[in-house]
Amino acid sequence: MTQVFIDTPPETERVLFALLREMPPWRKVEMVVQLNQTVHELALAGLRERYPSASSKELRRRLADMALGPELAENAYGPLTETEEPHAA
Protein backbone atom coordinates (compact mmCIF):
# COMPACT_ATOMS: atom_id res chain seq x y z
CA MET A 1 0.00 0.00 0.00
CA THR A 2 1.26 3.48 -0.87
CA GLN A 3 1.77 5.76 2.10
CA VAL A 4 -0.85 8.55 2.17
CA PHE A 5 0.52 10.80 4.92
CA ILE A 6 4.20 11.58 4.39
CA ASP A 7 4.60 12.88 7.96
CA THR A 8 3.15 9.74 9.60
CA PRO A 9 5.07 6.53 10.26
CA PRO A 10 3.81 3.70 8.02
CA GLU A 11 2.80 1.50 10.97
CA THR A 12 0.72 4.32 12.48
CA GLU A 13 -0.96 4.84 9.13
CA ARG A 14 -1.78 1.12 8.86
CA VAL A 15 -3.38 1.19 12.33
CA LEU A 16 -5.39 4.32 11.43
CA PHE A 17 -6.75 2.79 8.24
CA ALA A 18 -7.55 -0.48 10.00
CA LEU A 19 -9.56 1.45 12.61
CA LEU A 20 -11.37 3.40 9.90
CA ARG A 21 -12.26 0.18 8.04
CA GLU A 22 -13.73 -1.29 11.23
CA MET A 23 -15.65 1.86 12.15
CA PRO A 24 -19.42 1.74 11.57
CA PRO A 25 -20.74 4.02 8.80
CA TRP A 26 -22.78 6.14 11.24
CA ARG A 27 -19.59 7.04 13.13
CA LYS A 28 -17.79 8.03 9.92
CA VAL A 29 -20.70 10.30 9.00
CA GLU A 30 -20.64 11.78 12.51
CA MET A 31 -16.91 12.53 12.14
CA VAL A 32 -17.49 14.26 8.78
CA VAL A 33 -20.29 16.36 10.30
CA GLN A 34 -18.02 17.38 13.18
CA LEU A 35 -15.22 18.26 10.75
CA ASN A 36 -17.60 20.40 8.69
CA GLN A 37 -18.77 22.22 11.84
CA THR A 38 -15.17 22.89 12.83
CA VAL A 39 -14.31 24.25 9.37
CA HIS A 40 -17.41 26.47 9.53
CA GLU A 41 -16.42 27.81 12.98
CA LEU A 42 -12.82 28.46 11.89
CA ALA A 43 -13.97 30.29 8.76
CA LEU A 44 -16.33 32.47 10.82
CA ALA A 45 -13.56 33.18 13.34
CA GLY A 46 -11.31 34.33 10.50
CA LEU A 47 -14.07 36.54 9.10
CA ARG A 48 -14.72 38.04 12.56
CA GLU A 49 -11.03 38.89 12.82
CA ARG A 50 -10.97 40.52 9.38
CA TYR A 51 -14.30 42.33 9.82
CA PRO A 52 -14.62 43.08 13.55
CA SER A 53 -17.54 45.48 13.16
CA ALA A 54 -19.53 43.23 10.79
CA SER A 55 -22.94 42.01 11.87
CA SER A 56 -23.78 38.32 12.14
CA LYS A 57 -25.80 38.67 8.94
CA GLU A 58 -22.83 40.14 7.07
CA LEU A 59 -20.51 37.44 8.39
CA ARG A 60 -22.91 34.71 7.21
CA ARG A 61 -23.09 36.41 3.81
CA ARG A 62 -19.29 36.59 3.60
CA LEU A 63 -19.14 32.91 4.55
CA ALA A 64 -21.49 32.21 1.63
CA ASP A 65 -19.01 34.02 -0.64
CA MET A 66 -16.28 31.70 0.58
CA ALA A 67 -18.38 28.55 0.22
CA LEU A 68 -20.26 29.28 -2.99
CA GLY A 69 -18.20 31.94 -4.71
CA PRO A 70 -19.23 35.60 -4.91
CA GLU A 71 -21.46 35.30 -7.97
CA LEU A 72 -23.57 32.38 -6.75
CA ALA A 73 -23.72 33.80 -3.21
CA GLU A 74 -25.02 37.11 -4.57
CA ASN A 75 -27.61 35.32 -6.72
CA ALA A 76 -28.75 33.27 -3.73
CA TYR A 77 -28.53 35.86 -0.92
CA GLY A 78 -28.38 39.25 -2.59
CA PRO A 79 -25.56 41.78 -2.67
CA LEU A 80 -23.01 42.02 0.11
CA THR A 81 -23.40 45.10 2.27
CA GLU A 82 -19.89 45.93 3.40
CA THR A 83 -19.36 47.61 6.77
CA GLU A 84 -15.60 47.77 6.75
CA GLU A 85 -12.60 46.84 4.67
CA PRO A 86 -10.51 43.95 6.01
CA HIS A 87 -7.41 44.67 8.08
CA ALA A 88 -4.24 44.76 6.06
CA ALA A 89 -2.20 41.60 6.52
C-alpha atoms as a PDB file:
ATOM      1  CA  MET A   1       0.000   0.000   0.000  1.00  0.00           C
ATOM      2  CA  THR A   2       1.257   3.478  -0.873  1.00  0.00           C
ATOM      3  CA  GLN A   3       1.771   5.760   2.096  1.00  0.00           C
ATOM      4  CA  VAL A   4      -0.850   8.552   2.174  1.00  0.00           C
ATOM      5  CA  PHE A   5       0.517  10.800   4.918  1.00  0.00           C
ATOM      6  CA  ILE A   6       4.202  11.583   4.395  1.00  0.00           C
ATOM      7  CA  ASP A   7       4.603  12.881   7.957  1.00  0.00           C
ATOM      8  CA  THR A   8       3.148   9.744   9.598  1.00  0.00           C
ATOM      9  CA  PRO A   9       5.070   6.529  10.257  1.00  0.00           C
ATOM     10  CA  PRO A  10       3.808   3.700   8.019  1.00  0.00           C
ATOM     11  CA  GLU A  11       2.795   1.496  10.967  1.00  0.00           C
ATOM     12  CA  THR A  12       0.719   4.317  12.480  1.00  0.00           C
ATOM     13  CA  GLU A  13      -0.959   4.844   9.128  1.00  0.00           C
ATOM     14  CA  ARG A  14      -1.777   1.125   8.864  1.00  0.00           C
ATOM     15  CA  VAL A  15      -3.384   1.193  12.327  1.00  0.00           C
ATOM     16  CA  LEU A  16      -5.390   4.315  11.430  1.00  0.00           C
ATOM     17  CA  PHE A  17      -6.754   2.787   8.238  1.00  0.00           C
ATOM     18  CA  ALA A  18      -7.554  -0.483  10.004  1.00  0.00           C
ATOM     19  CA  LEU A  19      -9.561   1.450  12.610  1.00  0.00           C
ATOM     20  CA  LEU A  20     -11.368   3.398   9.896  1.00  0.00           C
ATOM     21  CA  ARG A  21     -12.255   0.178   8.041  1.00  0.00           C
ATOM     22  CA  GLU A  22     -13.733  -1.291  11.235  1.00  0.00           C
ATOM     23  CA  MET A  23     -15.651   1.857  12.147  1.00  0.00           C
ATOM     24  CA  PRO A  24     -19.417   1.737  11.569  1.00  0.00           C
ATOM     25  CA  PRO A  25     -20.744   4.020   8.805  1.00  0.00           C
ATOM     26  CA  TRP A  26     -22.775   6.138  11.238  1.00  0.00           C
ATOM     27  CA  ARG A  27     -19.590   7.045  13.125  1.00  0.00           C
ATOM     28  CA  LYS A  28     -17.791   8.026   9.920  1.00  0.00           C
ATOM     29  CA  VAL A  29     -20.698  10.302   8.996  1.00  0.00           C
ATOM     30  CA  GLU A  30     -20.637  11.776  12.505  1.00  0.00           C
ATOM     31  CA  MET A  31     -16.911  12.525  12.135  1.00  0.00           C
ATOM     32  CA  VAL A  32     -17.485  14.261   8.785  1.00  0.00           C
ATOM     33  CA  VAL A  33     -20.289  16.365  10.300  1.00  0.00           C
ATOM     34  CA  GLN A  34     -18.017  17.380  13.180  1.00  0.00           C
ATOM     35  CA  LEU A  35     -15.222  18.260  10.747  1.00  0.00           C
ATOM     36  CA  ASN A  36     -17.599  20.403   8.688  1.00  0.00           C
ATOM     37  CA  GLN A  37     -18.766  22.216  11.838  1.00  0.00           C
ATOM     38  CA  THR A  38     -15.167  22.889  12.832  1.00  0.00           C
ATOM     39  CA  VAL A  39     -14.311  24.252   9.374  1.00  0.00           C
ATOM     40  CA  HIS A  40     -17.415  26.474   9.533  1.00  0.00           C
ATOM     41  CA  GLU A  41     -16.421  27.811  12.978  1.00  0.00           C
ATOM     42  CA  LEU A  42     -12.822  28.457  11.886  1.00  0.00           C
ATOM     43  CA  ALA A  43     -13.974  30.285   8.765  1.00  0.00           C
ATOM     44  CA  LEU A  44     -16.326  32.472  10.821  1.00  0.00           C
ATOM     45  CA  ALA A  45     -13.562  33.181  13.337  1.00  0.00           C
ATOM     46  CA  GLY A  46     -11.312  34.331  10.502  1.00  0.00           C
ATOM     47  CA  LEU A  47     -14.065  36.543   9.103  1.00  0.00           C
ATOM     48  CA  ARG A  48     -14.717  38.037  12.556  1.00  0.00           C
ATOM     49  CA  GLU A  49     -11.033  38.893  12.823  1.00  0.00           C
ATOM     50  CA  ARG A  50     -10.967  40.523   9.383  1.00  0.00           C
ATOM     51  CA  TYR A  51     -14.296  42.333   9.825  1.00  0.00           C
ATOM     52  CA  PRO A  52     -14.618  43.079  13.551  1.00  0.00           C
ATOM     53  CA  SER A  53     -17.543  45.476  13.159  1.00  0.00           C
ATOM     54  CA  ALA A  54     -19.529  43.226  10.792  1.00  0.00           C
ATOM     55  CA  SER A  55     -22.942  42.013  11.870  1.00  0.00           C
ATOM     56  CA  SER A  56     -23.779  38.316  12.138  1.00  0.00           C
ATOM     57  CA  LYS A  57     -25.802  38.674   8.945  1.00  0.00           C
ATOM     58  CA  GLU A  58     -22.830  40.141   7.069  1.00  0.00           C
ATOM     59  CA  LEU A  59     -20.510  37.443   8.391  1.00  0.00           C
ATOM     60  CA  ARG A  60     -22.908  34.712   7.212  1.00  0.00           C
ATOM     61  CA  ARG A  61     -23.086  36.414   3.813  1.00  0.00           C
ATOM     62  CA  ARG A  62     -19.289  36.588   3.601  1.00  0.00           C
ATOM     63  CA  LEU A  63     -19.139  32.908   4.546  1.00  0.00           C
ATOM     64  CA  ALA A  64     -21.491  32.210   1.632  1.00  0.00           C
ATOM     65  CA  ASP A  65     -19.012  34.023  -0.642  1.00  0.00           C
ATOM     66  CA  MET A  66     -16.279  31.698   0.578  1.00  0.00           C
ATOM     67  CA  ALA A  67     -18.380  28.548   0.222  1.00  0.00           C
ATOM     68  CA  LEU A  68     -20.260  29.282  -2.995  1.00  0.00           C
ATOM     69  CA  GLY A  69     -18.197  31.941  -4.707  1.00  0.00           C
ATOM     70  CA  PRO A  70     -19.232  35.597  -4.907  1.00  0.00           C
ATOM     71  CA  GLU A  71     -21.461  35.305  -7.974  1.00  0.00           C
ATOM     72  CA  LEU A  72     -23.569  32.377  -6.750  1.00  0.00           C
ATOM     73  CA  ALA A  73     -23.718  33.803  -3.212  1.00  0.00           C
ATOM     74  CA  GLU A  74     -25.018  37.107  -4.574  1.00  0.00           C
ATOM     75  CA  ASN A  75     -27.606  35.318  -6.718  1.00  0.00           C
ATOM     76  CA  ALA A  76     -28.749  33.269  -3.729  1.00  0.00           C
ATOM     77  CA  TYR A  77     -28.525  35.858  -0.921  1.00  0.00           C
ATOM     78  CA  GLY A  78     -28.379  39.254  -2.590  1.00  0.00           C
ATOM     79  CA  PRO A  79     -25.555  41.776  -2.671  1.00  0.00           C
ATOM     80  CA  LEU A  80     -23.013  42.022   0.109  1.00  0.00           C
ATOM     81  CA  THR A  81     -23.403  45.098   2.265  1.00  0.00           C
ATOM     82  CA  GLU A  82     -19.890  45.929   3.401  1.00  0.00           C
ATOM     83  CA  THR A  83     -19.356  47.613   6.768  1.00  0.00           C
ATOM     84  CA  GLU A  84     -15.596  47.765   6.752  1.00  0.00           C
ATOM     85  CA  GLU A  85     -12.604  46.838   4.667  1.00  0.00           C
ATOM     86  CA  PRO A  86     -10.511  43.953   6.008  1.00  0.00           C
ATOM     87  CA  HIS A  87      -7.412  44.666   8.077  1.00  0.00           C
ATOM     88  CA  ALA A  88      -4.236  44.765   6.061  1.00  0.00           C
ATOM     89  CA  ALA A  89      -2.198  41.602   6.517  1.00  0.00           C
END
